[in-house]
Protein backbone atom coordinates (compact mmCIF):
# COMPACT_ATOMS: atom_id res chain seq x y z
CA MET A 1 0.06 0.07 0.10
CA THR A 2 1.14 3.75 -0.91
CA ALA A 3 1.30 6.84 2.12
CA LEU A 4 -2.13 7.75 0.02
CA ASP A 5 -3.77 4.47 0.16
CA HIS A 6 -2.82 4.61 4.42
CA ALA A 7 -3.69 8.33 4.49
CA LEU A 8 -7.66 7.55 2.47
CA ASN A 9 -7.85 4.59 4.72
CA TRP A 10 -7.25 6.85 7.97
CA ILE A 11 -9.71 9.85 6.86
CA ASP A 12 -12.20 6.81 5.97
CA GLY A 13 -12.11 5.84 9.41
CA GLU A 14 -12.68 9.56 10.61
CA LEU A 15 -15.36 10.03 8.34
CA ILE A 16 -17.47 7.02 9.92
CA ALA A 17 -16.84 8.18 13.23
CA GLY A 18 -17.78 11.67 12.45
CA ARG A 19 -20.86 10.57 10.93
CA ALA A 20 -21.75 8.19 13.69
CA LEU A 21 -21.30 11.23 16.33
CA ILE A 22 -23.34 13.70 13.91
CA ALA A 23 -26.27 10.81 13.95
CA PHE A 24 -25.72 10.76 17.85
CA GLY A 25 -25.70 14.33 18.42
CA LEU A 26 -29.22 14.38 16.01
CA LEU A 27 -30.43 11.68 18.46
CA LEU A 28 -29.87 13.56 21.64
CA VAL A 29 -31.50 16.86 19.79
CA GLY A 30 -34.50 14.87 18.75
CA CYS A 31 -35.05 13.18 22.19
CA GLY A 32 -34.47 17.18 23.60
CA GLY A 33 -37.38 17.69 21.44
CA LEU A 34 -39.50 14.70 22.26
CA LEU A 35 -38.87 15.70 25.64
CA TRP A 36 -39.96 19.40 25.01
CA ARG A 37 -43.18 18.35 23.31
CA LEU A 38 -44.10 15.25 25.68
CA GLY A 39 -42.54 15.52 28.74
CA GLU A 40 -44.64 16.42 31.60
CA SER A 41 -42.42 15.72 34.64
CA THR A 42 -40.38 18.41 35.90
CA ALA A 43 -37.07 16.20 35.53
CA ALA A 44 -38.03 15.41 31.76
CA ARG A 45 -38.55 19.32 31.02
CA ALA A 46 -35.32 20.00 32.73
CA MET A 47 -33.64 17.53 30.30
CA VAL A 48 -34.86 19.50 27.49
CA VAL A 49 -32.12 22.37 27.48
CA PRO A 50 -29.55 19.92 28.02
CA LEU A 51 -30.18 17.87 25.61
CA LEU A 52 -30.59 20.07 22.78
CA ALA A 53 -27.46 22.45 24.01
CA MET A 54 -25.26 18.99 24.30
CA GLY A 55 -26.40 17.44 21.06
CA GLY A 56 -26.13 20.62 19.30
CA LEU A 57 -22.73 21.36 20.46
CA ILE A 58 -21.67 17.34 19.47
CA THR A 59 -23.56 17.51 15.91
CA VAL A 60 -21.78 21.10 14.65
CA LEU A 61 -18.19 19.63 15.89
CA SER A 62 -18.92 16.45 14.27
CA ALA A 63 -20.26 17.94 11.11
CA VAL A 64 -17.11 20.37 10.78
CA GLY A 65 -14.50 17.63 11.35
CA THR A 66 -16.44 15.58 8.84
CA LEU A 67 -16.15 18.45 6.10
CA ASN A 68 -12.19 19.30 7.08
CA ASN A 69 -11.33 15.40 6.44
CA VAL A 70 -13.55 15.50 3.37
CA ARG A 71 -11.57 18.38 2.06
CA ARG A 72 -8.75 16.90 3.12
CA ILE A 73 -9.03 14.20 0.48
CA ALA A 74 -8.18 16.31 -2.30
CA GLU A 75 -5.54 18.01 -0.69
CA PHE A 76 -4.01 14.57 0.32
CA ARG A 77 -4.16 13.78 -3.44
CA GLU A 78 -2.82 16.49 -4.66
CA ALA A 79 0.24 16.55 -2.24
CA TYR A 80 1.12 13.32 -2.59
CA ALA A 81 0.96 13.61 -6.69
CA VAL A 82 3.65 16.32 -6.32
CA ASP A 83 5.92 14.77 -3.98
CA PRO A 84 5.00 11.55 -2.16
CA SER A 85 8.68 11.37 -0.10
CA GLY A 86 7.28 14.87 1.00
CA PHE A 87 3.69 14.00 1.74
CA VAL A 88 5.17 11.01 3.88
CA GLU A 89 7.41 13.49 5.84
CA GLN A 90 4.48 16.38 6.29
CA GLU A 91 2.20 13.41 7.40
CA LEU A 92 4.07 12.30 9.86
CA ALA A 93 4.78 15.73 11.54
CA ARG A 94 1.15 16.37 11.33
CA VAL A 95 0.24 13.41 13.09
CA GLN A 96 3.20 13.24 15.69
CA GLY A 97 1.78 16.83 16.59
CA PHE A 98 -1.63 16.06 17.28
CA MET A 99 -0.83 12.80 19.20
CA SER A 100 -0.02 14.54 22.38
CA TRP A 101 -2.97 16.11 22.52
CA TYR A 102 -5.20 12.83 23.68
CA VAL A 103 -3.49 13.19 27.22
CA TYR A 104 -5.36 16.50 27.56
CA THR A 105 -8.34 15.70 26.12
CA PHE A 106 -8.48 12.62 28.16
CA VAL A 107 -7.91 14.68 31.55
CA GLY A 108 -10.55 17.19 30.10
CA ALA A 109 -13.26 14.75 29.17
CA SER A 110 -12.75 12.57 32.75
CA LEU A 111 -13.07 16.20 34.77
CA LEU A 112 -16.09 16.89 32.80
CA ILE A 113 -17.68 13.56 33.74
CA ILE A 114 -16.42 13.89 37.66
CA ALA A 115 -18.10 17.59 37.58
CA GLY A 116 -21.52 15.85 36.22
CA LEU A 117 -21.17 13.52 38.74
CA ALA A 118 -20.88 15.78 41.67
CA ALA A 119 -23.60 17.89 39.87
CA PHE A 120 -26.19 15.47 39.64
CA LEU A 121 -25.06 13.43 43.10
CA ILE A 122 -25.31 16.90 44.89
CA ALA A 123 -27.61 19.24 43.39
CA ALA A 124 -30.96 18.80 44.90
CA ALA A 125 -32.39 20.84 41.72
CA PRO A 126 -33.70 18.99 38.43
CA MET A 127 -32.05 21.55 36.05
CA TRP A 128 -28.58 20.83 37.80
CA LYS A 129 -29.18 17.31 37.70
CA ALA A 130 -29.99 17.44 34.33
CA ILE A 131 -26.89 19.26 33.55
CA GLY A 132 -24.56 17.15 35.36
CA LEU A 133 -26.06 14.39 33.27
CA ALA A 134 -25.24 16.21 30.19
CA MET A 135 -21.81 16.85 31.30
CA ILE A 136 -21.52 13.10 31.77
CA VAL A 137 -22.59 12.27 28.50
CA LEU A 138 -20.40 14.86 26.38
CA GLY A 139 -17.42 13.80 28.73
CA ALA A 140 -17.92 10.12 27.55
CA ALA A 141 -18.43 11.03 24.11
CA ALA A 142 -15.08 12.96 24.46
CA LEU A 143 -13.66 9.82 25.76
CA HIS A 144 -15.05 7.78 22.74
CA VAL A 145 -13.89 9.98 19.94
CA ASP A 146 -10.17 10.02 21.67
CA PHE A 147 -10.68 6.00 22.26
CA PHE A 148 -10.75 5.48 18.17
CA SER A 149 -8.86 8.63 16.97
CA LYS A 150 -5.85 7.46 18.68
CA ALA A 151 -5.69 3.69 18.05
CA SER A 152 -6.42 4.97 14.52
CA ALA A 153 -3.83 7.61 14.46
CA THR A 154 -1.34 5.47 16.05
CA GLN A 155 -1.92 2.81 13.14
CA TYR A 156 -1.25 5.24 10.69
CA LEU A 157 1.78 6.59 12.30
CA ALA A 158 3.14 3.38 12.58
CA ASN A 159 2.24 2.40 8.47
CA LEU A 160 3.65 6.09 7.39
CA ALA A 161 6.78 5.30 9.73
CA LEU A 162 7.26 2.04 7.81
CA LEU A 163 7.11 3.66 4.70
CA ASP A 164 9.92 6.31 5.59
CA GLY A 165 12.02 3.90 6.33
CA ALA A 166 11.87 4.20 10.18
CA PRO A 167 11.49 1.35 12.06
CA ALA A 168 7.88 1.02 13.76
CA ALA A 169 7.23 1.99 17.11
CA THR A 170 7.09 -1.11 19.25
CA GLU A 171 5.05 0.42 21.62
CA ARG A 172 1.46 -1.37 21.81
CA TYR A 173 -1.45 0.53 21.96
CA THR A 174 -3.25 0.27 25.27
CA GLY A 175 -5.98 2.27 25.08
CA PHE A 176 -4.93 4.66 27.39
CA PRO A 177 -3.27 8.32 26.59
């Protein structure tokens, strides 16, 4: 396989994950809409705004990421056609550059989940409990994204390193940042 094939496979995986998150975000927006129309309890009414906000945020961020990856397909093909070895070097540098972000997103998502648990367990008002639940779901969605993204990026980096002539990383992906 060429570096372009590996790059396009990586983008395909990102597009699948992005589309799944768009569907998840729209599902949350739909649930918020149903609770707004049909929910009669205080708890149901309290969940409307957090579900709409969280679902909208997930949908918009995933759509932007998906559109950026679709745009990258043409850029990758063009860059590879011009200079295949330069493309590999550029991609190695780009992927190595964002690999360090996973630690920060892992910590941030974990803190969001912990804060959501605290809000849910400590607060008495249904609105704060609903916000806590939304924070937990948002943090879990971020961890989900990072789990698959890091695994995919680790494999992509190893494939590029082999093509570049560098030895493959001996570190095995464990799922922990």
